Amino acid sequence: MLKPGDPAPEFELPSDRGSVVRSADLKGKRYVLYFYPADDTPGCTKEACSFRDELSQFEALDVPVFGVSPQGVESKQKFAAKYGLNFPLLADTEHKVAEAFGAWGERSMYGKKYMGIMRSTFVVGPDGRIEHVWEKVKPEGHAAEVLAYLRGEQPEKKPKSRAK
């Protein structure tokens, strides 16, 4: 997985909106790229809807948000329409962009191992370098966590419970 300071890989992916999103067109701009396993699944829907609900705050910071998964454009269009998603979903059908970012790897479900997206989020800085990375993202509340980082807020520290 890429780390802060690494150059962000170049990419060019089709979006659910019928356009192509190119990293070259984002140069000089800070943006969020989040990788999710599949359209219209419970965790991915929670995560997408949280970015949808917070999008005006990302826009106020002038930071576009892009969701990336391996399903095709048609799947993304249905997902976006079903949940009113208001930001571009990018189709990485050959998972080349996910691989370049280190967001593609071995996963397991019900004891079976397979290759797939590892839920992760990257903030790319205006200099084209990775600014921040979240690995093993929990879908619920993640958009707020990304917003807090973009605003320079410190995340809340949960008190450690002490066993007696």
Protein backbone atom coordinates (compact mmCIF):
# COMPACT_ATOMS: atom_id res chain seq x y z
CA MET A 1 0.00 0.00 0.00
CA LEU A 2 1.26 3.48 -0.81
CA LYS A 3 2.35 5.68 2.06
CA PRO A 4 2.25 9.45 2.65
CA GLY A 5 4.89 11.13 0.53
CA ASP A 6 4.70 8.56 -2.28
CA PRO A 7 3.76 9.90 -5.72
CA ALA A 8 0.14 9.06 -6.58
CA PRO A 9 -0.10 6.76 -9.61
CA GLU A 10 -1.47 8.24 -12.82
CA PHE A 11 -4.93 6.95 -13.73
CA GLU A 12 -7.70 7.32 -16.27
CA LEU A 13 -11.02 5.64 -15.44
CA PRO A 14 -14.58 5.82 -16.79
CA SER A 15 -17.17 7.18 -14.38
CA ASP A 16 -20.86 6.53 -13.79
CA ARG A 17 -21.52 9.97 -15.30
CA GLY A 18 -20.35 9.00 -18.77
CA SER A 19 -17.07 10.90 -18.55
CA VAL A 20 -13.49 9.83 -17.97
CA VAL A 21 -11.69 11.00 -14.84
CA ARG A 22 -7.94 11.53 -15.32
CA SER A 23 -5.41 12.16 -12.58
CA ALA A 24 -3.68 14.57 -14.96
CA ASP A 25 -6.80 16.78 -14.85
CA LEU A 26 -6.61 16.85 -11.03
CA LYS A 27 -3.02 18.14 -10.82
CA GLY A 28 -2.76 21.10 -8.46
CA LYS A 29 -5.89 19.99 -6.62
CA ARG A 30 -6.31 18.02 -3.43
CA TYR A 31 -8.73 15.07 -3.81
CA VAL A 32 -10.04 11.95 -2.07
CA LEU A 33 -9.90 8.55 -3.75
CA TYR A 34 -11.61 5.79 -1.81
CA PHE A 35 -11.54 2.14 -2.84
CA TYR A 36 -14.51 -0.07 -1.99
CA PRO A 37 -15.14 -3.76 -2.79
CA ALA A 38 -18.50 -3.74 -4.60
CA ASP A 39 -21.44 -1.59 -5.66
CA ASP A 40 -24.70 -1.91 -3.72
CA THR A 41 -23.46 -4.13 -0.88
CA PRO A 42 -24.25 -3.23 2.75
CA GLY A 43 -20.86 -1.85 3.88
CA CYS A 44 -20.13 -0.15 0.57
CA THR A 45 -23.56 1.46 0.57
CA LYS A 46 -23.03 2.82 4.11
CA GLU A 47 -19.69 4.24 3.10
CA ALA A 48 -20.97 5.77 -0.17
CA CYS A 49 -24.02 7.29 1.55
CA SER A 50 -21.81 8.86 4.23
CA PHE A 51 -19.73 10.57 1.51
CA ARG A 52 -22.99 11.58 -0.22
CA ASP A 53 -24.36 13.11 2.98
CA GLU A 54 -21.13 15.02 3.69
CA LEU A 55 -20.36 16.04 0.08
CA SER A 56 -21.27 19.71 0.56
CA GLN A 57 -18.60 19.91 3.27
CA PHE A 58 -15.99 18.37 0.94
CA GLU A 59 -17.07 20.86 -1.74
CA ALA A 60 -16.70 23.75 0.74
CA LEU A 61 -13.06 22.64 1.16
CA ASP A 62 -12.74 22.34 -2.66
CA VAL A 63 -11.83 18.65 -2.33
CA PRO A 64 -13.54 16.33 -4.83
CA VAL A 65 -14.37 12.75 -3.81
CA PHE A 66 -14.13 9.70 -6.09
CA GLY A 67 -15.22 6.15 -5.26
CA VAL A 68 -13.38 3.32 -7.07
CA SER A 69 -14.36 -0.36 -7.39
CA PRO A 70 -13.94 -3.12 -9.98
CA GLN A 71 -17.55 -3.25 -11.25
CA GLY A 72 -18.38 -1.69 -14.62
CA VAL A 73 -19.96 1.67 -15.40
CA GLU A 74 -23.49 0.26 -15.70
CA SER A 75 -23.31 -1.20 -12.18
CA LYS A 76 -22.08 2.15 -10.88
CA GLN A 77 -24.90 4.02 -12.64
CA LYS A 78 -27.50 1.76 -11.00
CA PHE A 79 -25.81 2.11 -7.58
CA ALA A 80 -25.62 5.91 -7.88
CA ALA A 81 -29.25 6.20 -9.03
CA LYS A 82 -30.57 3.88 -6.31
CA TYR A 83 -28.93 5.89 -3.48
CA GLY A 84 -28.75 9.38 -5.00
CA LEU A 85 -24.95 9.38 -4.95
CA ASN A 86 -23.74 12.84 -5.88
CA PHE A 87 -20.04 12.23 -6.62
CA PRO A 88 -18.33 10.21 -9.36
CA LEU A 89 -17.92 6.45 -9.06
CA LEU A 90 -15.03 5.13 -11.14
CA ALA A 91 -14.94 1.72 -12.83
CA ASP A 92 -11.57 -0.01 -12.35
CA THR A 93 -12.67 -3.24 -14.06
CA GLU A 94 -9.13 -4.55 -14.52
CA HIS A 95 -8.17 -3.36 -10.99
CA LYS A 96 -5.01 -1.73 -12.35
CA VAL A 97 -5.53 1.49 -10.38
CA ALA A 98 -6.32 -0.45 -7.19
CA GLU A 99 -3.13 -2.47 -7.72
CA ALA A 100 -1.07 0.69 -8.32
CA PHE A 101 -2.32 2.19 -5.04
CA GLY A 102 -1.84 -1.11 -3.18
CA ALA A 103 -5.58 -1.46 -2.59
CA TRP A 104 -5.83 -4.86 -4.31
CA GLY A 105 -4.80 -7.98 -2.48
CA GLU A 106 -5.70 -11.25 -0.84
CA ARG A 107 -8.88 -11.24 1.21
CA SER A 108 -10.86 -13.97 2.87
CA MET A 109 -14.54 -14.56 3.51
CA TYR A 110 -16.04 -17.60 5.22
CA GLY A 111 -12.62 -19.24 5.15
CA LYS A 112 -12.13 -18.83 1.39
CA LYS A 113 -9.26 -16.72 0.11
CA TYR A 114 -9.66 -14.55 -2.98
CA MET A 115 -8.18 -11.42 -4.56
CA GLY A 116 -10.17 -8.21 -4.17
CA ILE A 117 -10.30 -4.58 -3.12
CA MET A 118 -8.99 -3.78 0.33
CA ARG A 119 -11.22 -0.99 1.62
CA SER A 120 -8.91 2.01 1.84
CA THR A 121 -8.88 5.77 1.29
CA PHE A 122 -6.22 8.14 0.01
CA VAL A 123 -5.96 11.92 0.13
CA VAL A 124 -3.83 13.09 -2.77
CA GLY A 125 -2.26 16.50 -2.30
CA PRO A 126 -2.02 19.26 -4.90
CA ASP A 127 1.60 18.19 -5.51
CA GLY A 128 0.39 14.78 -6.75
CA ARG A 129 1.76 12.95 -3.71
CA ILE A 130 -0.13 10.81 -1.23
CA GLU A 131 -0.93 13.03 1.73
CA HIS A 132 -2.81 10.60 3.98
CA VAL A 133 -3.88 6.92 3.90
CA TRP A 134 -6.56 4.99 5.77
CA GLU A 135 -6.17 1.21 5.59
CA LYS A 136 -8.79 -1.33 6.68
CA VAL A 137 -11.50 1.33 6.67
CA LYS A 138 -14.68 0.83 8.69
CA PRO A 139 -17.50 2.13 6.44
CA GLU A 140 -19.61 3.77 9.14
CA GLY A 141 -18.49 7.31 9.94
CA HIS A 142 -15.53 7.19 7.56
CA ALA A 143 -16.50 10.29 5.57
CA ALA A 144 -16.56 12.32 8.83
CA GLU A 145 -13.12 10.95 9.69
CA VAL A 146 -11.76 12.07 6.29
CA LEU A 147 -13.38 15.49 6.70
CA ALA A 148 -11.81 15.91 10.15
CA TYR A 149 -8.40 15.17 8.66
CA LEU A 150 -8.95 17.64 5.78
CA ARG A 151 -9.93 20.33 8.27
CA GLY A 152 -6.83 19.65 10.37
CA GLU A 153 -8.85 18.43 13.34
CA GLN A 154 -7.41 15.86 15.71
CA PRO A 155 -9.35 12.60 15.87
CA GLU A 156 -11.01 11.87 19.19
CA LYS A 157 -9.02 9.47 21.31
CA LYS A 158 -11.14 6.79 22.90
CA PRO A 159 -10.23 6.20 26.52
CA LYS A 160 -8.69 2.81 27.14
CA SER A 161 -10.67 0.69 29.51
CA ARG A 162 -8.75 -0.67 32.43
CA ALA A 163 -9.47 -4.20 33.50
CA LYS A 164 -9.50 -4.73 37.27
